[in-house]
N, C-alpha and C. Protein backbone atom coordinates (compact mmCIF):
# COMPACT_ATOMS: atom_id res chain seq x y z
N MET A 1 0.83 -1.21 0.00
CA MET A 1 0.00 0.00 0.00
C MET A 1 0.86 1.26 0.00
N ARG A 2 1.90 1.22 0.84
CA ARG A 2 2.80 2.37 0.91
C ARG A 2 3.51 2.60 -0.41
N ALA A 3 3.90 1.50 -1.08
CA ALA A 3 4.57 1.62 -2.38
C ALA A 3 3.66 2.28 -3.40
N ILE A 4 2.36 1.93 -3.33
CA ILE A 4 1.39 2.53 -4.26
C ILE A 4 1.26 4.02 -3.99
N LEU A 5 1.21 4.37 -2.68
CA LEU A 5 1.09 5.76 -2.29
C LEU A 5 2.29 6.58 -2.77
N ILE A 6 3.48 6.01 -2.63
CA ILE A 6 4.70 6.69 -3.08
C ILE A 6 4.68 6.90 -4.59
N ALA A 7 4.22 5.85 -5.31
CA ALA A 7 4.17 5.93 -6.77
C ALA A 7 3.19 7.01 -7.23
N VAL A 8 2.02 7.06 -6.56
CA VAL A 8 1.02 8.06 -6.91
C VAL A 8 1.54 9.46 -6.62
N THR A 9 2.20 9.62 -5.46
CA THR A 9 2.77 10.91 -5.09
C THR A 9 3.81 11.37 -6.11
N GLY A 10 4.64 10.42 -6.55
CA GLY A 10 5.65 10.74 -7.56
C GLY A 10 5.02 11.16 -8.87
N LEU A 11 3.91 10.47 -9.23
CA LEU A 11 3.23 10.80 -10.47
C LEU A 11 2.64 12.20 -10.40
N ILE A 12 2.05 12.54 -9.24
CA ILE A 12 1.50 13.88 -9.06
C ILE A 12 2.59 14.93 -9.16
N GLY A 13 3.75 14.62 -8.58
CA GLY A 13 4.88 15.55 -8.65
C GLY A 13 5.33 15.78 -10.08
N LEU A 14 5.37 14.71 -10.87
CA LEU A 14 5.76 14.85 -12.27
C LEU A 14 4.75 15.66 -13.04
N THR A 15 3.46 15.43 -12.75
CA THR A 15 2.42 16.18 -13.42
C THR A 15 2.52 17.66 -13.10
N GLY A 16 2.78 17.97 -11.83
CA GLY A 16 2.94 19.37 -11.42
C GLY A 16 4.10 20.02 -12.11
N ALA A 17 5.22 19.27 -12.29
CA ALA A 17 6.38 19.82 -12.97
C ALA A 17 6.07 20.14 -14.42
N ALA A 18 5.25 19.24 -15.05
CA ALA A 18 4.89 19.46 -16.45
C ALA A 18 4.04 20.72 -16.59
N VAL A 19 3.09 20.90 -15.66
CA VAL A 19 2.22 22.06 -15.72
C VAL A 19 3.01 23.35 -15.53
N ALA A 20 4.08 23.27 -14.75
CA ALA A 20 4.88 24.45 -14.43
C ALA A 20 5.84 24.87 -15.54
N GLU A 21 5.91 24.09 -16.62
CA GLU A 21 6.81 24.43 -17.72
C GLU A 21 6.52 25.84 -18.21
N PRO A 22 7.54 26.70 -18.33
CA PRO A 22 7.30 28.06 -18.82
C PRO A 22 7.02 28.05 -20.33
N PRO A 23 6.27 29.02 -20.82
CA PRO A 23 5.99 29.09 -22.26
C PRO A 23 7.26 29.38 -23.05
N VAL A 24 7.34 28.81 -24.24
CA VAL A 24 8.52 29.01 -25.08
C VAL A 24 8.20 29.69 -26.41
N ALA A 25 6.92 29.69 -26.78
CA ALA A 25 6.54 30.27 -28.07
C ALA A 25 5.12 30.79 -28.00
N LEU A 26 4.81 31.64 -28.98
CA LEU A 26 3.49 32.25 -29.08
C LEU A 26 2.92 31.94 -30.46
N VAL A 27 1.62 31.62 -30.50
CA VAL A 27 0.97 31.33 -31.77
C VAL A 27 0.65 32.67 -32.45
N GLU A 28 1.46 33.03 -33.41
CA GLU A 28 1.32 34.33 -34.07
C GLU A 28 0.20 34.34 -35.11
N GLU A 29 0.05 33.24 -35.81
CA GLU A 29 -1.02 33.14 -36.81
C GLU A 29 -1.58 31.72 -36.79
N LEU A 30 -2.84 31.59 -37.19
CA LEU A 30 -3.47 30.27 -37.25
C LEU A 30 -4.59 30.32 -38.28
N GLN A 31 -4.60 29.32 -39.16
CA GLN A 31 -5.65 29.25 -40.17
C GLN A 31 -6.14 27.81 -40.32
N GLY A 32 -7.40 27.67 -40.70
CA GLY A 32 -7.95 26.35 -40.96
C GLY A 32 -8.10 25.50 -39.72
N LYS A 33 -8.10 24.20 -39.92
CA LYS A 33 -8.32 23.26 -38.82
C LYS A 33 -7.02 22.96 -38.09
N VAL A 34 -6.92 23.45 -36.87
CA VAL A 34 -5.76 23.22 -36.02
C VAL A 34 -6.28 22.91 -34.61
N THR A 35 -5.82 21.82 -34.02
CA THR A 35 -6.22 21.46 -32.67
C THR A 35 -4.99 21.41 -31.76
N GLY A 36 -5.19 21.77 -30.49
CA GLY A 36 -4.09 21.74 -29.54
C GLY A 36 -3.52 23.10 -29.22
N ALA A 37 -3.95 24.14 -29.95
CA ALA A 37 -3.50 25.51 -29.70
C ALA A 37 -4.45 26.46 -30.40
N GLU A 38 -4.52 27.69 -29.91
CA GLU A 38 -5.36 28.71 -30.51
C GLU A 38 -4.52 29.96 -30.79
N TYR A 39 -5.09 30.85 -31.58
CA TYR A 39 -4.43 32.11 -31.92
C TYR A 39 -4.05 32.88 -30.67
N MET A 40 -2.81 33.35 -30.61
CA MET A 40 -2.24 34.14 -29.51
C MET A 40 -2.16 33.36 -28.20
N ASP A 41 -2.11 32.03 -28.29
CA ASP A 41 -1.82 31.19 -27.13
C ASP A 41 -0.31 31.10 -26.93
N TYR A 42 0.13 31.05 -25.66
CA TYR A 42 1.50 30.61 -25.38
C TYR A 42 1.51 29.09 -25.38
N VAL A 43 2.59 28.49 -25.88
CA VAL A 43 2.72 27.04 -25.88
C VAL A 43 3.98 26.64 -25.13
N THR A 44 3.98 25.40 -24.61
CA THR A 44 5.06 24.91 -23.77
C THR A 44 5.74 23.70 -24.40
N PRO A 45 6.96 23.37 -23.97
CA PRO A 45 7.67 22.21 -24.53
C PRO A 45 6.87 20.93 -24.35
N GLY A 46 6.82 20.13 -25.42
CA GLY A 46 6.10 18.86 -25.39
C GLY A 46 4.64 18.95 -25.78
N GLN A 47 4.14 20.16 -25.89
CA GLN A 47 2.73 20.33 -26.29
C GLN A 47 2.55 19.83 -27.72
N VAL A 48 1.45 19.10 -27.96
CA VAL A 48 1.19 18.50 -29.27
C VAL A 48 0.10 19.30 -29.99
N ILE A 49 0.40 19.68 -31.21
CA ILE A 49 -0.54 20.42 -32.05
C ILE A 49 -0.77 19.62 -33.33
N LYS A 50 -2.03 19.43 -33.70
CA LYS A 50 -2.35 18.69 -34.92
C LYS A 50 -2.97 19.62 -35.95
N ILE A 51 -2.47 19.50 -37.17
CA ILE A 51 -2.93 20.36 -38.26
C ILE A 51 -3.72 19.51 -39.24
N GLY A 52 -4.93 19.96 -39.57
CA GLY A 52 -5.79 19.26 -40.51
C GLY A 52 -5.67 19.80 -41.92
N PRO A 53 -6.49 19.31 -42.84
CA PRO A 53 -6.45 19.76 -44.23
C PRO A 53 -6.66 21.27 -44.33
N GLY A 54 -5.79 21.93 -45.07
CA GLY A 54 -5.90 23.37 -45.26
C GLY A 54 -5.48 24.20 -44.07
N GLY A 55 -4.95 23.54 -43.04
CA GLY A 55 -4.56 24.26 -41.83
C GLY A 55 -3.12 24.72 -41.84
N SER A 56 -2.83 25.74 -41.05
CA SER A 56 -1.45 26.22 -40.89
C SER A 56 -1.33 26.96 -39.57
N ILE A 57 -0.10 27.04 -39.08
CA ILE A 57 0.16 27.73 -37.81
C ILE A 57 1.53 28.39 -37.89
N VAL A 58 1.67 29.55 -37.27
CA VAL A 58 2.95 30.23 -37.17
C VAL A 58 3.33 30.30 -35.70
N LEU A 59 4.46 29.69 -35.34
CA LEU A 59 4.95 29.69 -33.97
C LEU A 59 6.17 30.61 -33.89
N SER A 60 6.13 31.54 -32.94
CA SER A 60 7.24 32.48 -32.73
C SER A 60 7.88 32.18 -31.39
N TYR A 61 9.19 31.87 -31.39
CA TYR A 61 9.90 31.39 -30.20
C TYR A 61 10.56 32.54 -29.46
N LEU A 62 10.24 32.64 -28.17
CA LEU A 62 10.62 33.81 -27.38
C LEU A 62 12.12 33.97 -27.18
N LYS A 63 12.84 32.87 -27.02
CA LYS A 63 14.27 32.95 -26.72
C LYS A 63 15.15 32.93 -27.95
N SER A 64 14.75 32.19 -28.97
CA SER A 64 15.62 32.01 -30.14
C SER A 64 15.31 33.00 -31.27
N CYS A 65 14.19 33.74 -31.16
CA CYS A 65 13.77 34.67 -32.21
C CYS A 65 13.51 33.95 -33.53
N ARG A 66 13.16 32.68 -33.45
CA ARG A 66 12.84 31.91 -34.65
C ARG A 66 11.33 31.98 -34.89
N ARG A 67 10.98 31.83 -36.14
CA ARG A 67 9.57 31.87 -36.54
C ARG A 67 9.33 30.72 -37.51
N GLN A 68 8.49 29.79 -37.09
CA GLN A 68 8.21 28.63 -37.92
C GLN A 68 6.78 28.71 -38.46
N THR A 69 6.68 28.64 -39.78
CA THR A 69 5.38 28.55 -40.44
C THR A 69 5.17 27.10 -40.85
N ILE A 70 4.17 26.47 -40.26
CA ILE A 70 3.93 25.03 -40.45
C ILE A 70 2.57 24.85 -41.11
N SER A 71 2.53 24.17 -42.24
CA SER A 71 1.28 24.03 -42.99
C SER A 71 1.12 22.63 -43.55
N GLY A 72 -0.12 22.26 -43.78
CA GLY A 72 -0.42 20.93 -44.31
C GLY A 72 -0.72 19.94 -43.20
N ILE A 73 -1.31 18.82 -43.55
CA ILE A 73 -1.69 17.81 -42.56
C ILE A 73 -0.44 17.29 -41.85
N GLY A 74 -0.45 17.31 -40.52
CA GLY A 74 0.71 16.82 -39.78
C GLY A 74 0.58 17.06 -38.30
N THR A 75 1.63 16.70 -37.58
CA THR A 75 1.67 16.83 -36.13
C THR A 75 2.90 17.64 -35.72
N VAL A 76 2.70 18.51 -34.74
CA VAL A 76 3.77 19.36 -34.24
C VAL A 76 3.99 19.06 -32.76
N ILE A 77 5.23 18.81 -32.37
CA ILE A 77 5.58 18.67 -30.96
C ILE A 77 6.46 19.85 -30.61
N VAL A 78 5.96 20.73 -29.76
CA VAL A 78 6.63 21.99 -29.46
C VAL A 78 7.96 21.75 -28.73
N GLY A 79 9.01 22.43 -29.19
CA GLY A 79 10.31 22.40 -28.54
C GLY A 79 10.68 23.78 -28.01
N SER A 80 11.81 23.87 -27.34
CA SER A 80 12.20 25.13 -26.71
C SER A 80 12.56 26.21 -27.73
N ASP A 81 13.30 25.84 -28.77
CA ASP A 81 13.75 26.81 -29.78
C ASP A 81 13.17 26.55 -31.15
N GLU A 82 12.67 25.36 -31.37
CA GLU A 82 11.99 24.97 -32.60
C GLU A 82 11.19 23.71 -32.30
N SER A 83 10.28 23.36 -33.20
CA SER A 83 9.42 22.21 -32.95
C SER A 83 9.73 21.06 -33.89
N LYS A 84 9.41 19.85 -33.43
CA LYS A 84 9.51 18.67 -34.28
C LYS A 84 8.22 18.55 -35.06
N VAL A 85 8.34 18.40 -36.37
CA VAL A 85 7.16 18.39 -37.23
C VAL A 85 7.14 17.09 -38.03
N HIS A 86 5.99 16.41 -37.98
CA HIS A 86 5.83 15.16 -38.71
C HIS A 86 4.85 15.38 -39.86
N LEU A 87 5.30 15.13 -41.08
CA LEU A 87 4.54 15.19 -42.32
C LEU A 87 4.31 16.61 -42.85
N ALA A 88 3.94 17.56 -42.02
CA ALA A 88 3.63 18.91 -42.49
C ALA A 88 4.87 19.63 -43.03
N ASP A 89 4.63 20.68 -43.82
CA ASP A 89 5.71 21.48 -44.38
C ASP A 89 6.11 22.58 -43.40
N VAL A 90 7.41 22.91 -43.36
CA VAL A 90 7.92 23.89 -42.42
C VAL A 90 8.75 24.95 -43.15
N LYS A 91 8.45 26.21 -42.86
CA LYS A 91 9.29 27.31 -43.31
C LYS A 91 9.88 27.95 -42.05
N ASP A 92 11.20 27.97 -41.98
CA ASP A 92 11.89 28.44 -40.77
C ASP A 92 12.65 29.72 -41.08
N GLU A 93 12.50 30.72 -40.21
CA GLU A 93 13.22 31.98 -40.40
C GLU A 93 13.57 32.57 -39.04
N THR A 94 14.54 33.47 -39.04
CA THR A 94 14.92 34.19 -37.84
C THR A 94 14.54 35.66 -38.03
N VAL A 95 13.87 36.23 -37.02
CA VAL A 95 13.43 37.62 -37.13
C VAL A 95 14.19 38.47 -36.11
N ASP A 96 14.20 39.78 -36.33
CA ASP A 96 14.83 40.69 -35.37
C ASP A 96 13.98 40.76 -34.11
N CYS A 97 14.56 40.38 -32.99
CA CYS A 97 13.85 40.50 -31.72
C CYS A 97 14.87 40.55 -30.59
N ASP A 98 14.42 41.01 -29.45
CA ASP A 98 15.27 41.09 -28.26
C ASP A 98 14.84 39.99 -27.31
N ALA A 99 15.64 38.93 -27.23
CA ALA A 99 15.27 37.77 -26.43
C ALA A 99 15.18 38.08 -24.94
N SER A 100 15.75 39.18 -24.49
CA SER A 100 15.68 39.53 -23.07
C SER A 100 14.26 39.86 -22.65
N ASN A 101 13.38 40.14 -23.62
CA ASN A 101 11.98 40.41 -23.31
C ASN A 101 11.33 39.25 -22.59
N ALA A 102 11.78 38.02 -22.89
CA ALA A 102 11.18 36.84 -22.29
C ALA A 102 11.51 36.70 -20.82
N HIS A 103 12.48 37.48 -20.32
CA HIS A 103 12.92 37.33 -18.93
C HIS A 103 12.57 38.56 -18.08
N ALA A 104 11.86 39.53 -18.65
CA ALA A 104 11.54 40.74 -17.89
C ALA A 104 10.59 40.41 -16.75
N THR A 105 10.78 41.06 -15.61
CA THR A 105 9.89 40.86 -14.47
C THR A 105 9.40 42.22 -14.00
N VAL A 106 8.32 42.21 -13.22
CA VAL A 106 7.76 43.45 -12.70
C VAL A 106 8.78 44.18 -11.85
N ARG A 107 9.50 43.46 -10.99
CA ARG A 107 10.46 44.09 -10.08
C ARG A 107 11.59 44.74 -10.87
N GLU A 108 12.10 44.04 -11.87
CA GLU A 108 13.18 44.60 -12.68
C GLU A 108 12.72 45.84 -13.42
N THR A 109 11.54 45.77 -14.02
CA THR A 109 11.08 46.92 -14.79
C THR A 109 10.79 48.11 -13.88
N SER A 110 10.29 47.86 -12.68
CA SER A 110 10.01 48.97 -11.76
C SER A 110 11.30 49.67 -11.35
N GLU A 111 12.34 48.89 -11.07
CA GLU A 111 13.61 49.48 -10.68
C GLU A 111 14.23 50.26 -11.82
N ALA A 112 14.09 49.75 -13.03
CA ALA A 112 14.70 50.42 -14.18
C ALA A 112 14.06 51.77 -14.43
N ALA A 113 12.77 51.91 -14.12
CA ALA A 113 12.09 53.17 -14.38
C ALA A 113 12.12 54.11 -13.19
N ALA A 114 12.70 53.67 -12.08
CA ALA A 114 12.68 54.48 -10.87
C ALA A 114 13.35 55.82 -11.06
N THR A 115 14.40 55.87 -11.88
CA THR A 115 15.11 57.13 -12.09
C THR A 115 14.21 58.18 -12.73
N VAL A 116 13.23 57.73 -13.53
CA VAL A 116 12.30 58.66 -14.15
C VAL A 116 11.43 59.29 -13.08
N VAL A 117 10.96 58.47 -12.15
CA VAL A 117 10.10 58.96 -11.08
C VAL A 117 10.84 59.97 -10.22
N ARG A 118 12.12 59.75 -9.99
CA ARG A 118 12.90 60.66 -9.14
C ARG A 118 13.29 61.95 -9.87
N GLY A 119 13.03 62.01 -11.17
CA GLY A 119 13.28 63.24 -11.90
C GLY A 119 14.72 63.43 -12.34
N ILE A 120 15.50 62.38 -12.42
CA ILE A 120 16.88 62.50 -12.89
C ILE A 120 16.87 62.83 -14.38
N ALA A 121 17.70 63.79 -14.78
CA ALA A 121 17.66 64.29 -16.15
C ALA A 121 18.05 63.23 -17.18
N ALA A 122 19.11 62.48 -16.91
CA ALA A 122 19.57 61.50 -17.88
C ALA A 122 18.62 60.31 -17.90
N PRO A 123 18.07 59.94 -19.07
CA PRO A 123 17.14 58.81 -19.13
C PRO A 123 17.87 57.50 -18.84
N PRO A 124 17.20 56.54 -18.21
CA PRO A 124 17.83 55.25 -17.94
C PRO A 124 18.07 54.48 -19.23
N ALA A 125 19.00 53.56 -19.18
CA ALA A 125 19.29 52.74 -20.36
C ALA A 125 18.10 51.82 -20.65
N PRO A 126 17.74 51.64 -21.91
CA PRO A 126 16.62 50.76 -22.24
C PRO A 126 16.90 49.32 -21.81
N GLN A 127 15.87 48.66 -21.33
CA GLN A 127 16.00 47.25 -20.97
C GLN A 127 15.95 46.35 -22.19
N LEU A 128 15.28 46.80 -23.22
CA LEU A 128 15.18 46.00 -24.44
C LEU A 128 14.89 46.91 -25.62
N THR A 129 15.05 46.34 -26.80
CA THR A 129 14.81 47.06 -28.05
C THR A 129 13.67 46.39 -28.79
N LEU A 130 12.74 47.19 -29.31
CA LEU A 130 11.68 46.68 -30.17
C LEU A 130 12.04 46.98 -31.62
N TYR A 131 11.70 46.04 -32.50
CA TYR A 131 12.05 46.17 -33.91
C TYR A 131 10.81 46.43 -34.78
N GLY A 132 9.75 46.90 -34.14
CA GLY A 132 8.56 47.34 -34.83
C GLY A 132 8.07 48.60 -34.16
N ALA A 133 7.61 49.59 -34.93
CA ALA A 133 7.20 50.87 -34.35
C ALA A 133 5.79 50.82 -33.77
N SER A 134 5.06 49.71 -34.00
CA SER A 134 3.71 49.55 -33.45
C SER A 134 3.73 48.40 -32.45
N PRO A 135 4.08 48.67 -31.18
CA PRO A 135 4.22 47.59 -30.21
C PRO A 135 2.91 46.84 -29.96
N ILE A 136 3.05 45.61 -29.48
CA ILE A 136 1.90 44.87 -28.98
C ILE A 136 2.18 44.61 -27.50
N PHE A 137 1.34 45.17 -26.64
CA PHE A 137 1.55 45.12 -25.20
C PHE A 137 0.77 43.96 -24.60
N GLU A 138 1.45 43.12 -23.83
CA GLU A 138 0.76 42.09 -23.07
C GLU A 138 0.32 42.74 -21.75
N ALA A 139 -0.96 43.03 -21.65
CA ALA A 139 -1.50 43.77 -20.51
C ALA A 139 -2.87 43.20 -20.17
N THR A 140 -2.93 42.38 -19.14
CA THR A 140 -4.16 41.68 -18.79
C THR A 140 -5.02 42.51 -17.84
N GLY A 141 -6.32 42.46 -18.04
CA GLY A 141 -7.24 43.16 -17.15
C GLY A 141 -7.43 44.61 -17.55
N ARG A 142 -8.02 45.36 -16.63
CA ARG A 142 -8.29 46.77 -16.89
C ARG A 142 -7.25 47.67 -16.24
N GLY A 143 -6.97 48.78 -16.87
CA GLY A 143 -6.00 49.72 -16.31
C GLY A 143 -5.64 50.76 -17.34
N THR A 144 -4.75 51.64 -16.98
CA THR A 144 -4.30 52.71 -17.88
C THR A 144 -2.87 52.45 -18.31
N LEU A 145 -2.67 52.36 -19.61
CA LEU A 145 -1.32 52.22 -20.17
C LEU A 145 -0.77 53.62 -20.42
N MET A 146 0.33 53.93 -19.74
CA MET A 146 0.96 55.24 -19.89
C MET A 146 2.27 55.09 -20.66
N LEU A 147 2.45 55.92 -21.66
CA LEU A 147 3.67 55.91 -22.46
C LEU A 147 4.26 57.31 -22.46
N GLU A 148 5.56 57.40 -22.20
CA GLU A 148 6.23 58.71 -22.21
C GLU A 148 7.60 58.56 -22.88
N ARG A 149 7.88 59.47 -23.79
CA ARG A 149 9.19 59.44 -24.44
C ARG A 149 10.21 60.09 -23.52
N LEU A 150 11.38 59.46 -23.40
CA LEU A 150 12.39 59.91 -22.46
C LEU A 150 13.52 60.71 -23.10
N ASP A 151 13.85 60.41 -24.35
CA ASP A 151 14.99 61.09 -24.98
C ASP A 151 14.61 62.44 -25.57
N GLU A 152 13.31 62.70 -25.71
CA GLU A 152 12.83 64.00 -26.16
C GLU A 152 11.56 64.32 -25.38
N ALA A 153 11.41 65.55 -24.98
CA ALA A 153 10.24 65.94 -24.19
C ALA A 153 9.01 66.14 -25.07
N GLY A 154 7.85 65.91 -24.46
CA GLY A 154 6.61 66.30 -25.13
C GLY A 154 5.70 65.16 -25.56
N GLU A 155 6.25 63.98 -25.86
CA GLU A 155 5.40 62.89 -26.37
C GLU A 155 4.91 62.03 -25.21
N ARG A 156 3.60 62.03 -24.99
CA ARG A 156 2.97 61.20 -23.97
C ARG A 156 1.67 60.63 -24.51
N GLN A 157 1.37 59.41 -24.09
CA GLN A 157 0.12 58.79 -24.48
C GLN A 157 -0.51 58.13 -23.27
N LYS A 158 -1.83 58.22 -23.19
CA LYS A 158 -2.60 57.60 -22.12
C LYS A 158 -3.70 56.78 -22.76
N ILE A 159 -3.66 55.46 -22.57
CA ILE A 159 -4.59 54.56 -23.24
C ILE A 159 -5.31 53.70 -22.20
N GLU A 160 -6.63 53.72 -22.26
CA GLU A 160 -7.41 52.90 -21.34
C GLU A 160 -7.50 51.47 -21.88
N ILE A 161 -7.06 50.53 -21.06
CA ILE A 161 -7.04 49.12 -21.44
C ILE A 161 -8.14 48.38 -20.67
N GLY A 162 -8.88 47.54 -21.37
CA GLY A 162 -9.92 46.76 -20.72
C GLY A 162 -11.03 46.43 -21.70
N GLY A 163 -11.10 45.17 -22.11
CA GLY A 163 -12.11 44.76 -23.08
C GLY A 163 -11.71 45.01 -24.52
N ASN A 164 -10.57 45.66 -24.74
CA ASN A 164 -10.11 45.94 -26.10
C ASN A 164 -8.82 45.19 -26.44
N GLN A 165 -8.50 44.14 -25.65
CA GLN A 165 -7.31 43.34 -25.90
C GLN A 165 -7.65 42.09 -26.72
N ILE A 166 -6.68 41.61 -27.47
CA ILE A 166 -6.81 40.33 -28.15
C ILE A 166 -6.74 39.23 -27.10
N LYS A 167 -7.72 38.33 -27.10
CA LYS A 167 -7.79 37.25 -26.11
C LYS A 167 -7.80 37.78 -24.68
N GLY A 168 -8.24 39.01 -24.48
CA GLY A 168 -8.27 39.61 -23.16
C GLY A 168 -6.90 39.87 -22.58
N ARG A 169 -5.86 39.90 -23.45
CA ARG A 169 -4.49 39.93 -22.95
C ARG A 169 -3.55 40.86 -23.71
N PHE A 170 -3.75 41.02 -25.01
CA PHE A 170 -2.80 41.74 -25.84
C PHE A 170 -3.45 42.98 -26.47
N PHE A 171 -2.81 44.13 -26.27
CA PHE A 171 -3.27 45.36 -26.91
C PHE A 171 -2.29 45.70 -28.03
N ASP A 172 -2.79 45.72 -29.27
CA ASP A 172 -1.93 45.82 -30.45
C ASP A 172 -2.04 47.22 -31.07
N PHE A 173 -0.94 47.95 -31.07
CA PHE A 173 -0.91 49.26 -31.70
C PHE A 173 -1.23 49.17 -33.19
N ALA A 174 -0.83 48.08 -33.83
CA ALA A 174 -1.04 47.94 -35.27
C ALA A 174 -2.53 47.91 -35.61
N ARG A 175 -3.33 47.35 -34.72
CA ARG A 175 -4.78 47.24 -34.97
C ARG A 175 -5.49 48.58 -34.82
N THR A 176 -4.87 49.51 -34.14
CA THR A 176 -5.49 50.82 -33.94
C THR A 176 -4.73 51.92 -34.69
N ASN A 177 -3.87 51.49 -35.63
CA ASN A 177 -3.11 52.44 -36.47
C ASN A 177 -2.27 53.40 -35.65
N ARG A 178 -1.70 52.90 -34.56
CA ARG A 178 -0.81 53.70 -33.73
C ARG A 178 0.63 53.32 -34.01
N ALA A 179 1.55 54.23 -33.74
CA ALA A 179 2.97 53.94 -33.91
C ALA A 179 3.78 54.89 -33.04
N LEU A 180 4.94 54.40 -32.61
CA LEU A 180 5.89 55.23 -31.88
C LEU A 180 7.00 55.66 -32.85
N VAL A 181 7.88 56.53 -32.38
CA VAL A 181 8.90 57.11 -33.26
C VAL A 181 10.14 56.21 -33.32
N PRO A 182 10.55 55.75 -34.50
CA PRO A 182 11.78 54.97 -34.61
C PRO A 182 12.96 55.73 -34.03
N GLY A 183 13.77 55.03 -33.24
CA GLY A 183 14.92 55.65 -32.59
C GLY A 183 14.60 56.23 -31.22
N GLY A 184 13.32 56.33 -30.87
CA GLY A 184 12.93 56.92 -29.59
C GLY A 184 13.08 55.95 -28.42
N THR A 185 13.30 56.50 -27.23
CA THR A 185 13.35 55.73 -25.99
C THR A 185 12.12 56.10 -25.15
N TYR A 186 11.42 55.09 -24.67
CA TYR A 186 10.15 55.30 -23.97
C TYR A 186 10.13 54.55 -22.64
N VAL A 187 9.25 55.01 -21.75
CA VAL A 187 8.90 54.25 -20.56
C VAL A 187 7.41 53.93 -20.67
N ALA A 188 7.06 52.67 -20.41
CA ALA A 188 5.66 52.23 -20.40
C ALA A 188 5.29 51.83 -18.98
N ARG A 189 4.09 52.21 -18.56
CA ARG A 189 3.59 51.85 -17.24
C ARG A 189 2.20 51.25 -17.37
N PHE A 190 1.99 50.14 -16.69
CA PHE A 190 0.66 49.53 -16.63
C PHE A 190 0.53 48.84 -15.29
N LYS A 191 -0.41 49.30 -14.47
CA LYS A 191 -0.58 48.81 -13.11
C LYS A 191 0.76 48.94 -12.37
N GLU A 192 1.30 47.81 -11.88
CA GLU A 192 2.56 47.86 -11.13
C GLU A 192 3.80 47.67 -12.02
N SER A 193 3.58 47.45 -13.29
CA SER A 193 4.71 47.17 -14.19
C SER A 193 5.21 48.44 -14.87
N ARG A 194 6.53 48.55 -14.94
CA ARG A 194 7.16 49.65 -15.67
C ARG A 194 8.33 49.08 -16.45
N ILE A 195 8.51 49.57 -17.66
CA ILE A 195 9.62 49.07 -18.46
C ILE A 195 10.10 50.17 -19.40
N VAL A 196 11.42 50.27 -19.55
CA VAL A 196 12.04 51.24 -20.45
C VAL A 196 12.50 50.51 -21.70
N PHE A 197 12.13 51.02 -22.86
CA PHE A 197 12.47 50.34 -24.10
C PHE A 197 12.80 51.35 -25.19
N ARG A 198 13.45 50.87 -26.21
CA ARG A 198 13.87 51.70 -27.35
C ARG A 198 13.27 51.12 -28.62
N ILE A 199 12.86 51.99 -29.52
CA ILE A 199 12.39 51.57 -30.84
C ILE A 199 13.58 51.63 -31.80
N ASP A 200 13.92 50.53 -32.42
CA ASP A 200 15.05 50.50 -33.35
C ASP A 200 14.84 51.54 -34.46
N PRO A 201 15.90 52.26 -34.83
CA PRO A 201 15.76 53.32 -35.84
C PRO A 201 15.20 52.84 -37.19
N GLN A 202 15.40 51.56 -37.52
CA GLN A 202 14.92 51.03 -38.80
C GLN A 202 13.51 50.46 -38.72
N SER A 203 12.88 50.59 -37.58
CA SER A 203 11.55 50.00 -37.38
C SER A 203 10.50 50.64 -38.29
N LYS A 204 9.50 49.83 -38.64
CA LYS A 204 8.39 50.31 -39.46
C LYS A 204 7.08 50.12 -38.68
N PRO A 205 6.09 50.97 -38.93
CA PRO A 205 4.80 50.80 -38.27
C PRO A 205 4.00 49.63 -38.86
N GLY A 206 2.94 49.24 -38.14
CA GLY A 206 2.07 48.20 -38.67
C GLY A 206 2.39 46.82 -38.11
N ALA A 207 1.76 45.82 -38.72
CA ALA A 207 1.85 44.44 -38.22
C ALA A 207 3.11 43.74 -38.71
N THR A 208 4.25 44.21 -38.27
CA THR A 208 5.52 43.54 -38.53
C THR A 208 5.61 42.29 -37.65
N PRO A 209 6.61 41.41 -37.82
CA PRO A 209 6.67 40.18 -37.02
C PRO A 209 6.47 40.42 -35.53
N LEU A 210 5.64 39.60 -34.92
CA LEU A 210 5.20 39.80 -33.54
C LEU A 210 6.36 39.86 -32.56
N LEU A 211 7.33 38.98 -32.69
CA LEU A 211 8.42 38.92 -31.72
C LEU A 211 9.21 40.22 -31.64
N GLY A 212 9.27 40.92 -32.75
CA GLY A 212 10.04 42.15 -32.77
C GLY A 212 9.37 43.32 -32.09
N ARG A 213 8.08 43.18 -31.75
CA ARG A 213 7.35 44.31 -31.16
C ARG A 213 6.56 43.93 -29.92
N LEU A 214 6.76 42.72 -29.39
CA LEU A 214 6.05 42.27 -28.20
C LEU A 214 6.68 42.85 -26.94
N LEU A 215 5.84 43.46 -26.10
CA LEU A 215 6.29 44.03 -24.84
C LEU A 215 5.44 43.43 -23.73
N GLN A 216 6.05 42.61 -22.86
CA GLN A 216 5.33 41.88 -21.84
C GLN A 216 5.25 42.73 -20.57
N MET A 217 4.07 43.26 -20.28
CA MET A 217 3.86 44.10 -19.10
C MET A 217 3.34 43.30 -17.92
N ASP A 218 2.90 42.07 -18.11
CA ASP A 218 2.37 41.25 -17.02
C ASP A 218 3.48 40.56 -16.25
């Protein structure tokens, strides 16, 4: 009986470890019949996605800046930097992105923006660079998104968030025809999160690759 109890406990522990796996990629696009993931879902290692006739999926990997377009009938097993694909066709590319975005935390972003609150003239160094001028902010729930340019005075934006996010989670500047200035340095605030970022000088507005313009505020 004790051996059975130990085995069950071990199984529960393994299951908990699997659930705790951090996300490694985001579903950037999805068309046709696809099961196992939805548009703008985060996916984890080992997750199985099945693609039916006429289906396709685009997976964008947070750490490797890789973007896989997978189409046709087949099975996808999600990996950390790329996925194993059976039967379906794969187009693999690397996009401009700042992999440090995947490791940002509320505490780090708050400390980085503290100098702005104290009124120090020199702007803090950006924590990350975006490669699209129309950011997509991961901001869950209701609140006010505040944006202020740090390298030049005068540019401020105040946006009410709540009910206007994709999947209740993502607010996309591209969908509202908004854009920031290429080369500019900004601070973004949402609830308790603050982060300082720079827009790459070569950035373009609009729906450029998601990884290059994703800003995780949660």
